[in-house]
PDB file of N, CA and C in Angstrom:
ATOM      1  N   MET A   1       0.939  -1.218  -0.068  1.00  0.00           N
ATOM      2  CA  MET A   1      -0.173  -0.019  -0.348  1.00  0.00           C
ATOM      3  C   MET A   1       0.677   1.248  -0.049  1.00  0.00           C
ATOM      4  N   ASP A   2       1.988   0.910   0.777  1.00  0.00           N
ATOM      5  CA  ASP A   2       2.888   2.022   0.593  1.00  0.00           C
ATOM      6  C   ASP A   2       3.534   2.778  -1.111  1.00  0.00           C
ATOM      7  N   ARG A   3       3.569   1.834  -1.290  1.00  0.00           N
ATOM      8  CA  ARG A   3       4.055   1.576  -2.704  1.00  0.00           C
ATOM      9  C   ARG A   3       3.450   2.810  -3.607  1.00  0.00           C
ATOM     10  N   ALA A   4       1.747   1.978  -3.752  1.00  0.00           N
ATOM     11  CA  ALA A   4       1.005   2.840  -4.079  1.00  0.00           C
ATOM     12  C   ALA A   4       0.707   4.234  -4.418  1.00  0.00           C
ATOM     13  N   GLU A   5       1.210   4.136  -2.502  1.00  0.00           N
ATOM     14  CA  GLU A   5       1.043   6.186  -2.089  1.00  0.00           C
ATOM     15  C   GLU A   5       1.364   6.624  -2.409  1.00  0.00           C
ATOM     16  N   ALA A   6       3.034   5.886  -2.793  1.00  0.00           N
ATOM     17  CA  ALA A   6       4.209   6.520  -3.644  1.00  0.00           C
ATOM     18  C   ALA A   6       4.495   7.153  -4.518  1.00  0.00           C
ATOM     19  N   HIS A   7       3.360   6.632  -5.868  1.00  0.00           N
ATOM     20  CA  HIS A   7       3.224   6.481  -7.542  1.00  0.00           C
ATOM     21  C   HIS A   7       1.995   7.703  -7.050  1.00  0.00           C
ATOM     22  N   GLY A   8       0.769   7.027  -6.628  1.00  0.00           N
ATOM     23  CA  GLY A   8      -0.049   7.673  -6.273  1.00  0.00           C
ATOM     24  C   GLY A   8      -1.069   8.199  -7.753  1.00  0.00           C
ATOM     25  N   THR A   9      -0.082   7.580  -8.616  1.00  0.00           N
ATOM     26  CA  THR A   9      -0.955   7.660  -9.891  1.00  0.00           C
ATOM     27  C   THR A   9      -1.104   6.501 -11.279  1.00  0.00           C
ATOM     28  N   LYS A  10      -0.194   6.093 -11.608  1.00  0.00           N
ATOM     29  CA  LYS A  10      -0.566   4.631 -12.244  1.00  0.00           C
ATOM     30  C   LYS A  10      -0.954   3.319 -11.248  1.00  0.00           C
ATOM     31  N   GLN A  11      -0.098   3.688 -10.549  1.00  0.00           N
ATOM     32  CA  GLN A  11      -0.252   3.049  -9.244  1.00  0.00           C
ATOM     33  C   GLN A  11      -1.097   2.221  -8.648  1.00  0.00           C
ATOM     34  N   GLU A  12      -1.876   3.507  -8.529  1.00  0.00           N
ATOM     35  CA  GLU A  12      -3.472   3.145  -7.889  1.00  0.00           C
ATOM     36  C   GLU A  12      -4.428   3.554  -8.939  1.00  0.00           C
ATOM     37  N   LYS A  13      -4.278   3.668  -9.867  1.00  0.00           N
ATOM     38  CA  LYS A  13      -5.030   2.995 -11.310  1.00  0.00           C
ATOM     39  C   LYS A  13      -5.119   1.844 -11.350  1.00  0.00           C
ATOM     40  N   ASP A  14      -3.606   1.207 -11.385  1.00  0.00           N
ATOM     41  CA  ASP A  14      -3.488  -0.136 -11.547  1.00  0.00           C
ATOM     42  C   ASP A  14      -4.380  -1.375 -10.342  1.00  0.00           C
ATOM     43  N   GLY A  15      -4.221  -0.466  -9.228  1.00  0.00           N
ATOM     44  CA  GLY A  15      -4.722  -0.995  -7.937  1.00  0.00           C
ATOM     45  C   GLY A  15      -5.726  -0.667  -7.833  1.00  0.00           C
ATOM     46  N   GLN A  16      -6.486   0.040  -8.664  1.00  0.00           N
ATOM     47  CA  GLN A  16      -8.247  -0.112  -8.308  1.00  0.00           C
ATOM     48  C   GLN A  16      -9.050  -0.975  -9.444  1.00  0.00           C
ATOM     49  N   TYR A  17      -8.087  -1.711 -10.785  1.00  0.00           N
ATOM     50  CA  TYR A  17      -9.054  -2.029 -11.519  1.00  0.00           C
ATOM     51  C   TYR A  17      -8.586  -3.124 -11.096  1.00  0.00           C
ATOM     52  N   PRO A  18      -7.979  -4.107 -10.755  1.00  0.00           N
ATOM     53  CA  PRO A  18      -8.429  -5.632 -10.729  1.00  0.00           C
ATOM     54  C   PRO A  18      -9.391  -5.926  -9.749  1.00  0.00           C
ATOM     55  N   ILE A  19      -9.992  -5.454  -8.751  1.00  0.00           N
ATOM     56  CA  ILE A  19     -11.120  -5.169  -7.282  1.00  0.00           C
ATOM     57  C   ILE A  19     -12.227  -4.538  -8.258  1.00  0.00           C
ATOM     58  N   PRO A  20     -12.615  -4.298  -9.298  1.00  0.00           N
ATOM     59  CA  PRO A  20     -13.656  -3.515  -9.518  1.00  0.00           C
ATOM     60  C   PRO A  20     -13.865  -4.375 -10.841  1.00  0.00           C
ATOM     61  N   PHE A  21     -13.047  -4.861 -11.254  1.00  0.00           N
ATOM     62  CA  PHE A  21     -13.138  -5.689 -12.643  1.00  0.00           C
ATOM     63  C   PHE A  21     -13.868  -7.228 -12.038  1.00  0.00           C
ATOM     64  N   VAL A  22     -12.722  -7.602 -11.544  1.00  0.00           N
ATOM     65  CA  VAL A  22     -12.974  -8.723 -10.563  1.00  0.00           C
ATOM     66  C   VAL A  22     -14.788  -9.258 -10.314  1.00  0.00           C
ATOM     67  N   PHE A  23     -15.192  -7.735  -9.608  1.00  0.00           N
ATOM     68  CA  PHE A  23     -16.881  -7.691  -8.789  1.00  0.00           C
ATOM     69  C   PHE A  23     -17.582  -7.552 -10.409  1.00  0.00           C
ATOM     70  N   ILE A  24     -16.969  -6.785 -11.183  1.00  0.00           N
ATOM     71  CA  ILE A  24     -17.861  -6.198 -12.528  1.00  0.00           C
ATOM     72  C   ILE A  24     -17.920  -7.922 -13.280  1.00  0.00           C
ATOM     73  N   SER A  25     -17.109  -8.389 -13.173  1.00  0.00           N
ATOM     74  CA  SER A  25     -16.654  -9.919 -13.928  1.00  0.00           C
ATOM     75  C   SER A  25     -17.925 -10.587 -13.762  1.00  0.00           C
ATOM     76  N   PRO A  26     -18.302 -11.486 -13.099  1.00  0.00           N
ATOM     77  CA  PRO A  26     -19.166 -12.320 -12.594  1.00  0.00           C
ATOM     78  C   PRO A  26     -20.744 -11.523 -12.981  1.00  0.00           C
ATOM     79  N   ILE A  27     -21.169 -10.328 -12.200  1.00  0.00           N
ATOM     80  CA  ILE A  27     -21.875  -9.925 -12.549  1.00  0.00           C
ATOM     81  C   ILE A  27     -22.011  -9.222 -13.768  1.00  0.00           C
ATOM     82  N   HIS A  28     -21.347  -8.575 -14.987  1.00  0.00           N
ATOM     83  CA  HIS A  28     -21.610  -8.852 -16.664  1.00  0.00           C
ATOM     84  C   HIS A  28     -21.944  -9.595 -16.857  1.00  0.00           C
ATOM     85  N   ILE A  29     -21.059 -10.711 -16.580  1.00  0.00           N
ATOM     86  CA  ILE A  29     -21.342 -12.409 -17.144  1.00  0.00           C
ATOM     87  C   ILE A  29     -22.892 -12.854 -17.027  1.00  0.00           C
ATOM     88  N   VAL A  30     -23.235 -12.408 -15.822  1.00  0.00           N
ATOM     89  CA  VAL A  30     -24.647 -12.617 -15.712  1.00  0.00           C
ATOM     90  C   VAL A  30     -25.989 -11.865 -16.560  1.00  0.00           C
ATOM     91  N   ALA A  31     -25.797 -10.648 -16.603  1.00  0.00           N
ATOM     92  CA  ALA A  31     -26.529  -9.980 -16.747  1.00  0.00           C
ATOM     93  C   ALA A  31     -26.269  -9.788 -18.141  1.00  0.00           C
ATOM     94  N   SER A  32     -25.639 -10.251 -19.013  1.00  0.00           N
ATOM     95  CA  SER A  32     -25.351 -10.727 -20.341  1.00  0.00           C
ATOM     96  C   SER A  32     -26.242 -11.793 -20.434  1.00  0.00           C
ATOM     97  N   VAL A  33     -26.326 -13.279 -19.999  1.00  0.00           N
ATOM     98  CA  VAL A  33     -26.675 -13.959 -20.134  1.00  0.00           C
ATOM     99  C   VAL A  33     -28.196 -14.012 -20.098  1.00  0.00           C
ATOM    100  N   THR A  34     -28.310 -12.945 -18.865  1.00  0.00           N
ATOM    101  CA  THR A  34     -29.905 -12.947 -18.551  1.00  0.00           C
ATOM    102  C   THR A  34     -30.128 -12.249 -19.673  1.00  0.00           C
ATOM    103  N   ALA A  35     -29.740 -11.615 -20.089  1.00  0.00           N
ATOM    104  CA  ALA A  35     -30.356 -10.304 -21.137  1.00  0.00           C
ATOM    105  C   ALA A  35     -30.528 -11.537 -22.588  1.00  0.00           C
ATOM    106  N   ALA A  36     -29.465 -12.354 -22.672  1.00  0.00           N
ATOM    107  CA  ALA A  36     -29.871 -12.794 -23.674  1.00  0.00           C
ATOM    108  C   ALA A  36     -30.527 -13.977 -23.654  1.00  0.00           C
ATOM    109  N   LEU A  37     -31.082 -14.141 -22.452  1.00  0.00           N
ATOM    110  CA  LEU A  37     -31.734 -14.990 -22.670  1.00  0.00           C
ATOM    111  C   LEU A  37     -33.505 -14.288 -22.182  1.00  0.00           C
ATOM    112  N   ILE A  38     -33.601 -13.238 -22.009  1.00  0.00           N
ATOM    113  CA  ILE A  38     -34.732 -12.725 -21.725  1.00  0.00           C
ATOM    114  C   ILE A  38     -35.243 -11.957 -23.017  1.00  0.00           C
ATOM    115  N   PHE A  39     -34.359 -11.382 -23.960  1.00  0.00           N
ATOM    116  CA  PHE A  39     -34.404 -10.479 -25.123  1.00  0.00           C
ATOM    117  C   PHE A  39     -34.856 -11.578 -26.333  1.00  0.00           C
ATOM    118  N   PRO A  40     -34.464 -13.102 -26.426  1.00  0.00           N
ATOM    119  CA  PRO A  40     -35.000 -13.341 -27.542  1.00  0.00           C
ATOM    120  C   PRO A  40     -36.292 -13.731 -27.154  1.00  0.00           C
ATOM    121  N   LYS A  41     -36.795 -13.797 -25.683  1.00  0.00           N
ATOM    122  CA  LYS A  41     -37.989 -14.770 -25.220  1.00  0.00           C
ATOM    123  C   LYS A  41     -39.040 -13.686 -25.314  1.00  0.00           C
ATOM    124  N   ARG A  42     -38.495 -12.709 -25.140  1.00  0.00           N
ATOM    125  CA  ARG A  42     -39.516 -11.300 -24.648  1.00  0.00           C
ATOM    126  C   ARG A  42     -40.036 -11.414 -26.405  1.00  0.00           C
ATOM    127  N   LYS A  43     -38.875 -11.505 -27.533  1.00  0.00           N
ATOM    128  CA  LYS A  43     -39.367 -11.401 -29.209  1.00  0.00           C
ATOM    129  C   LYS A  43     -39.909 -12.500 -29.495  1.00  0.00           C
TER     130      LYS A  43
END
């Protein structure tokens, strides 16, 4: 954490990317599959 604060720019973005990405990854996949299943079924 000290190294990330030392850089404060690239390190912070690099460290903040994997956390939200990991959370959005499963959510995005579920949303994509759900939408794909609901869209054609609704049509």
